[in-house]
Protein backbone atom coordinates (compact mmCIF):
# COMPACT_ATOMS: atom_id res chain seq x y z
CA MET A 1 8.59 -53.52 9.75
CA THR A 2 6.63 -56.45 8.36
CA SER A 3 2.87 -57.09 9.38
CA GLY A 4 0.70 -59.15 10.01
CA LEU A 5 3.98 -62.58 10.90
CA ASP A 6 5.59 -63.33 13.90
CA VAL A 7 8.88 -63.51 12.62
CA SER A 8 10.42 -63.42 16.24
CA THR A 9 9.13 -67.28 16.08
CA GLN A 10 10.71 -68.22 12.85
CA VAL A 11 14.06 -65.98 13.94
CA PRO A 12 14.86 -66.91 17.45
CA VAL A 13 16.82 -64.21 19.71
CA LEU A 14 16.74 -65.45 22.59
CA GLY A 15 19.62 -67.20 23.76
CA THR A 16 21.52 -65.08 21.00
CA PHE A 17 25.18 -64.58 23.31
CA ASP A 18 24.53 -68.45 24.69
CA LYS A 19 26.36 -69.77 22.00
CA PRO A 20 30.35 -70.17 22.59
CA ARG A 21 31.29 -68.78 19.39
CA PHE A 22 30.84 -65.39 21.39
CA ALA A 23 33.73 -65.85 24.51
CA HIS A 24 35.71 -66.96 21.67
CA LEU A 25 35.53 -63.97 20.03
CA ALA A 26 35.84 -61.63 22.78
CA LEU A 27 39.21 -63.54 23.91
CA GLU A 28 40.27 -63.54 20.24
CA TYR A 29 39.48 -59.35 19.75
CA ALA A 30 40.73 -58.54 23.22
CA PRO A 31 44.27 -57.80 22.39
CA ARG A 32 42.82 -55.62 19.15
CA TRP A 33 40.54 -53.40 21.26
CA GLN A 34 43.16 -52.87 23.94
CA THR A 35 45.97 -52.17 21.12
CA ALA A 36 43.29 -49.91 18.52
CA GLU A 37 43.79 -46.48 18.09
CA PRO A 38 42.99 -43.84 18.25
CA PHE A 39 41.20 -44.95 21.14
CA PRO A 40 40.04 -48.65 21.95
CA HIS A 41 37.37 -49.99 19.53
CA VAL A 42 36.98 -52.70 17.42
CA VAL A 43 35.12 -53.93 13.80
CA ILE A 44 33.86 -57.48 13.84
CA ASP A 45 32.33 -58.88 10.34
CA ASP A 46 29.19 -61.05 10.56
CA PHE A 47 28.77 -60.39 14.35
CA LEU A 48 25.11 -61.17 14.36
CA ASP A 49 24.72 -64.25 11.88
CA GLU A 50 22.61 -62.86 8.21
CA ARG A 51 19.13 -64.02 8.83
CA MET A 52 18.71 -62.87 12.37
CA ALA A 53 20.57 -59.51 10.37
CA GLN A 54 18.10 -59.37 7.88
CA ALA A 55 14.99 -60.02 10.05
CA LEU A 56 16.34 -57.49 12.46
CA GLU A 57 16.62 -55.02 9.68
CA ARG A 58 13.35 -55.50 8.23
CA GLU A 59 11.49 -54.91 11.20
CA PHE A 60 12.93 -51.95 12.37
CA PRO A 61 10.83 -49.69 12.37
CA LEU A 62 9.99 -46.27 10.11
CA LEU A 63 9.02 -42.75 10.60
CA GLN A 64 5.32 -43.32 10.51
CA GLU A 65 5.06 -46.77 11.55
CA ILE A 66 5.40 -46.23 15.37
CA GLU A 67 5.95 -42.81 17.75
CA TRP A 68 9.21 -41.54 18.16
CA VAL A 69 10.82 -39.23 20.25
CA VAL A 70 12.06 -36.24 19.15
CA ARG A 71 15.42 -33.68 19.74
CA ASN A 72 15.42 -30.66 18.17
CA ASN A 73 18.40 -28.02 19.67
CA GLN A 74 22.15 -27.17 19.36
CA ASN A 75 23.06 -30.28 20.25
CA ASN A 76 21.59 -32.48 18.24
CA ILE A 77 18.36 -33.23 15.58
CA ARG A 78 17.54 -36.98 16.01
CA ARG A 79 14.74 -39.26 16.48
CA PHE A 80 14.79 -42.40 19.35
CA GLN A 81 12.30 -44.07 21.46
CA HIS A 82 13.59 -45.18 24.92
CA ASP A 83 10.38 -47.27 25.91
CA GLU A 84 10.14 -50.64 24.35
CA THR A 85 6.76 -51.39 24.27
CA LYS A 86 5.99 -49.79 21.30
CA LEU A 87 9.09 -51.88 19.33
CA PRO A 88 7.99 -54.47 17.60
CA ARG A 89 8.88 -57.88 19.06
CA LEU A 90 12.37 -58.36 17.57
CA ILE A 91 13.60 -55.65 18.25
CA ARG A 92 12.59 -55.61 21.48
CA GLU A 93 13.98 -59.07 22.08
CA MET A 94 17.49 -57.88 20.70
CA LEU A 95 17.40 -54.77 23.21
CA ARG A 96 17.00 -57.20 25.63
CA GLU A 97 19.60 -59.71 25.02
CA LEU A 98 21.88 -56.74 24.93
CA ASN A 99 21.36 -56.22 28.23
CA SER A 100 21.86 -60.20 29.28
CA ARG A 101 23.90 -61.27 31.54
CA GLN A 102 25.99 -62.97 28.60
CA PHE A 103 26.10 -60.39 26.38
CA LEU A 104 27.70 -58.51 29.22
CA LEU A 105 30.33 -61.25 30.07
CA PHE A 106 30.98 -61.16 26.05
CA VAL A 107 31.40 -56.79 26.90
CA GLU A 108 33.53 -57.16 29.77
CA THR A 109 36.05 -59.61 29.10
CA LEU A 110 36.34 -58.20 25.31
CA THR A 111 37.41 -54.51 26.92
CA GLY A 112 38.82 -55.78 30.28
CA ILE A 113 35.66 -53.59 31.92
CA ASP A 114 35.05 -55.64 35.13
CA ASN A 115 31.60 -54.86 37.27
CA LEU A 116 29.33 -54.00 33.39
CA LEU A 117 25.60 -52.62 34.65
CA PRO A 118 22.34 -53.36 32.29
CA ASP A 119 20.69 -50.83 31.94
CA PRO A 120 16.71 -50.68 30.49
CA TYR A 121 16.11 -47.46 31.04
CA PHE A 122 17.24 -46.87 27.42
CA ILE A 123 16.88 -43.79 28.40
CA GLY A 124 18.09 -40.40 25.50
CA GLY A 125 18.50 -43.85 24.10
CA GLY A 126 17.18 -47.27 22.41
CA PRO A 127 16.96 -47.57 18.97
CA HIS A 128 17.51 -44.47 16.53
CA LEU A 129 16.60 -42.87 13.19
CA ALA A 130 18.33 -40.51 11.77
CA GLY A 131 17.16 -38.24 8.38
CA ARG A 132 19.24 -35.91 6.07
CA GLY A 133 20.43 -33.15 8.43
CA ASP A 134 20.10 -35.36 11.31
CA PHE A 135 23.00 -34.92 13.64
CA LEU A 136 24.71 -35.57 17.15
CA ASN A 137 27.56 -33.71 19.37
CA ILE A 138 30.75 -35.56 20.07
CA HIS A 139 29.39 -35.68 24.55
CA ALA A 140 29.81 -37.68 27.08
CA ASP A 141 26.72 -39.38 28.92
CA PHE A 142 25.22 -39.02 32.36
CA THR A 143 28.03 -40.07 34.96
CA VAL A 144 25.31 -41.11 37.32
CA HIS A 145 21.53 -42.57 35.86
CA PRO A 146 19.09 -40.30 36.85
CA HIS A 147 16.97 -43.60 37.98
CA HIS A 148 20.02 -45.75 39.94
CA ARG A 149 21.48 -42.36 42.10
CA ARG A 150 24.30 -44.85 42.11
CA TRP A 151 25.03 -46.03 38.87
CA ARG A 152 27.98 -44.10 38.34
CA ARG A 153 30.17 -43.52 35.19
CA ARG A 154 33.69 -42.82 35.15
CA ILE A 155 35.24 -40.69 32.73
CA PRO A 156 38.52 -39.95 31.82
CA ASP A 157 40.53 -36.81 31.78
CA GLU A 158 41.66 -37.80 28.03
CA TYR A 159 38.21 -38.81 26.97
CA ARG A 160 37.78 -34.56 25.35
CA ALA A 161 41.60 -35.25 23.18
CA ASP A 162 40.89 -38.91 22.43
CA MET A 163 37.26 -37.88 20.73
CA ALA A 164 38.82 -35.08 18.75
CA ARG A 165 42.17 -37.16 17.69
CA TYR A 166 39.11 -39.43 16.74
CA VAL A 167 37.40 -36.88 14.38
CA ARG A 168 40.24 -35.53 12.77
CA SER A 169 41.94 -39.09 12.08
CA MET A 170 37.95 -40.24 10.35
CA LYS A 171 38.46 -36.68 8.40
CA GLN A 172 41.94 -37.86 7.57
CA THR A 173 41.56 -41.18 5.97
CA TYR A 174 37.65 -41.25 4.34
CA GLY A 175 37.22 -37.57 4.46
CA ASP A 176 33.34 -36.94 4.33
CA VAL A 177 30.80 -39.54 2.10
CA PRO A 178 27.60 -36.98 1.42
CA GLY A 179 24.34 -39.13 1.52
CA GLY A 180 26.56 -42.21 2.67
CA GLY A 181 26.83 -43.58 6.36
CA LEU A 182 29.23 -41.87 7.74
CA GLN A 183 29.48 -38.00 7.52
CA LEU A 184 32.10 -35.68 10.26
CA ASN A 185 29.94 -32.03 9.78
CA GLU A 186 31.99 -29.41 11.16
CA THR A 187 30.83 -26.68 9.80
CA ASN A 188 27.13 -27.04 10.59
CA PRO A 189 26.12 -23.90 12.43
CA ARG A 190 24.18 -25.31 15.28
CA ALA A 191 26.84 -28.72 16.29
CA ALA A 192 29.23 -27.76 18.36
CA THR A 193 33.31 -28.39 17.24
CA TRP A 194 35.61 -30.19 19.52
CA GLU A 195 38.69 -28.67 18.14
CA GLU A 196 40.54 -26.37 19.90
CA ASP A 197 39.23 -22.16 18.24
CA THR A 198 36.10 -21.46 19.12
CA PRO A 199 34.12 -19.09 18.01
CA ALA A 200 33.23 -15.89 19.49
CA ASP A 201 30.14 -14.83 19.12
CA GLY A 202 28.32 -16.01 22.29
CA LYS A 203 30.94 -17.15 24.12
CA ASP A 204 30.98 -15.25 27.03
CA GLU A 205 27.99 -16.53 27.71
CA THR A 206 27.98 -20.52 26.60
CA MET A 207 30.92 -20.12 29.08
CA ALA A 208 28.48 -18.66 31.92
CA ASP A 209 25.99 -21.21 31.55
CA ASP A 210 28.56 -23.98 31.46
CA LEU A 211 30.07 -22.87 34.90
CA ASP A 212 26.73 -22.36 35.98
CA GLN A 213 25.73 -25.60 35.36
CA LEU A 214 29.44 -27.03 37.57
CA ALA A 215 28.59 -24.73 40.12
CA ARG A 216 25.20 -26.66 40.43
CA ARG A 217 27.33 -30.39 39.87
CA TYR A 218 29.48 -29.09 42.37
CA ARG A 219 27.01 -27.65 45.09
CA ALA A 220 25.43 -31.68 44.64
CA LEU A 221 28.50 -33.22 44.91
CA ALA A 222 29.18 -30.81 48.39
CA ALA A 223 25.76 -31.83 50.24
CA ARG A 224 26.72 -35.49 49.39
CA LEU A 225 29.43 -34.76 51.44
CA GLY A 226 27.28 -34.45 54.62
CA GLU A 227 25.33 -37.45 53.95
CA LEU A 228 28.10 -39.95 54.66
CA GLY A 229 28.25 -41.63 57.14
CA TYR A 230 31.55 -43.64 59.09
CA ILE A 231 34.38 -44.98 56.60
CA SER A 232 36.89 -47.56 56.71
CA PRO A 233 39.44 -48.70 54.67
CA GLY A 234 39.97 -52.76 53.58
CA SER A 235 38.26 -55.08 51.85
CA LEU A 236 35.65 -58.13 53.25
CA VAL A 237 35.58 -61.62 52.24
CA ARG A 238 32.80 -64.31 53.34
CA ARG A 239 34.69 -68.10 53.02
CA TYR A 240 33.45 -71.21 53.69
CA THR A 241 35.41 -73.65 54.40
CA THR A 242 35.75 -77.55 54.89
CA CYS A 243 37.27 -79.98 57.73
CA GLY A 244 39.97 -83.27 58.07
CA LYS A 245 36.68 -84.62 60.53
CA PRO A 246 35.67 -87.45 59.32
CA GLY A 247 32.25 -88.23 59.08
CA CYS A 248 31.48 -84.44 59.24
CA ARG A 249 28.97 -83.01 56.47
CA CYS A 250 31.18 -81.34 55.23
CA GLN A 251 32.84 -84.46 53.45
CA ALA A 252 28.95 -85.48 52.27
CA SER A 253 27.46 -85.76 48.62
CA PRO A 254 27.06 -82.81 48.36
CA PRO A 255 29.35 -81.26 50.88
CA GLN A 256 27.70 -79.11 53.82
CA LEU A 257 30.57 -76.17 54.11
CA HIS A 258 30.90 -74.93 57.83
CA GLY A 259 30.72 -70.83 57.42
CA PRO A 260 29.76 -68.29 56.76
CA TYR A 261 32.83 -66.57 57.80
CA TYR A 262 33.71 -62.53 57.68
CA GLN A 263 38.02 -61.44 57.12
CA LEU A 264 38.23 -58.24 57.36
CA THR A 265 41.60 -57.55 55.54
CA ARG A 266 43.18 -53.55 55.62
CA LYS A 267 46.50 -52.42 55.83
CA VAL A 268 47.74 -50.68 58.89
CA ALA A 269 51.37 -49.17 59.36
CA GLY A 270 51.96 -50.73 56.00
CA LYS A 271 51.21 -54.25 56.91
CA THR A 272 48.64 -56.24 56.13
CA VAL A 273 45.71 -57.16 58.96
CA THR A 274 43.05 -59.87 58.74
CA THR A 275 40.32 -59.18 61.28
CA ARG A 276 37.86 -62.50 61.79
CA LEU A 277 34.46 -60.35 61.91
CA THR A 278 30.67 -61.56 63.95
CA GLU A 279 27.90 -61.32 60.45
CA GLY A 280 26.88 -57.70 62.36
CA GLN A 281 29.52 -56.45 62.47
CA ALA A 282 30.67 -57.70 58.94
CA ALA A 283 27.56 -55.74 57.16
CA ARG A 284 29.12 -52.75 59.82
CA TYR A 285 32.69 -53.22 58.25
CA ALA A 286 30.40 -53.62 54.25
CA GLU A 287 28.30 -49.72 55.07
CA TRP A 288 31.79 -47.83 56.09
CA ILE A 289 33.85 -49.32 53.46
CA ALA A 290 31.51 -48.53 50.37
CA ASN A 291 30.95 -45.03 51.89
CA GLN A 292 34.93 -44.76 52.05
CA ARG A 293 34.58 -45.60 48.17
CA GLU A 294 31.63 -43.47 47.68
CA LEU A 295 33.96 -40.10 49.41
CA ARG A 296 37.18 -41.29 47.01
CA ARG A 297 34.13 -41.21 44.02
CA VAL A 298 32.87 -37.65 45.14
CA LEU A 299 35.73 -35.69 45.87
CA GLY A 300 37.65 -37.32 42.66
CA ASP A 301 34.22 -35.90 41.58
CA MET A 302 34.64 -32.64 42.69
CA GLU A 303 38.56 -31.81 41.57
CA GLN A 304 37.27 -32.75 38.14
CA ILE A 305 34.67 -30.67 37.96
CA SER A 306 37.61 -27.96 39.80
CA ARG A 307 39.62 -28.94 37.16
CA GLN A 308 37.35 -27.92 34.06
CA ALA A 309 35.97 -24.70 35.94
CA ALA A 310 39.13 -23.21 36.37
CA GLU A 311 39.47 -23.95 32.89
CA LEU A 312 36.99 -22.30 31.69
CA ILE A 313 37.79 -19.40 34.03
CA LEU A 314 40.68 -19.19 32.32
CA ASP A 315 40.32 -20.13 29.47
CA LYS A 316 43.61 -22.20 29.27
CA THR A 317 45.67 -24.42 31.67
CA PRO A 318 47.85 -22.35 34.30
CA GLU A 319 50.72 -21.88 33.66
CA PRO A 320 52.95 -22.22 36.84
CA ASP A 321 53.99 -18.38 37.64
CA LYS A 322 58.16 -17.31 36.76
CA THR A 323 59.56 -15.47 39.25
CA PRO A 324 61.13 -12.84 37.58
CA ASP A 325 65.28 -12.13 37.69
CA GLN A 326 65.98 -10.05 40.18
CA PRO A 327 68.51 -7.61 39.13
CA ALA A 328 72.07 -8.11 40.49
């Protein structure tokens, strides 16, 4: 890490992703993201300006230069820092750029995933420092943000299978690179594996722990159901309109539009029905529609947990019952 020199004044980070180049990159690489195997990803060379990348590398703190958060257990050995106040200014500025509106738009355009949220807390994340022997098991991060209970991540059912295929594909393509930047190690006794075979030692104890964790999550979701209020299907739209009356304020420059007007659209007996609402009615329906979406999300999470518990209890995906042949 450089000392006594304000690198951020020499290499401006603010507005990095404002440049039109990144919008063009997102559009160019979106098809590659969608068709990549074994799961969606892209590799973009020279993503950052070379001078900026070199400055970030110089400013990245070494082991003794800052206080690192240390994790050392069966799931990971690593050092990271989620408190940006402990980081050099240039690194802090880049972290904020990665949480900026423009970068979110870049990622949304690239991936086709809408409504992404920035996370300034970096819980369990932020800059990482890895040394020889460090590892982080294949995992899925929290589905409910510890600071924002309504921020939730949906994890596809095929996530585990995709990651297992990815590990096997990477090993077949690259092999291991001892001492290099990438080493896929399935022999580390402290590292879990995504292969089908599970060591027998401690299997029952691990399954009990997993089932207990699933049961706690299931009970929390069941309690959440009791907290929900009334529900309603449909969607709300707030509109501003113009009229054709000459001299009306809506025809001025700049125009002062009429409204807002609120409309509720929903399916009734298979037909789309639109209803005009007052502002107060719209506020009520907004709450009820949000409750409906939360209900579906909670039930979906409960179903997913139930599938995971069933696989642990039965040790495999249940097979359909087979009726034995009856004697003639």
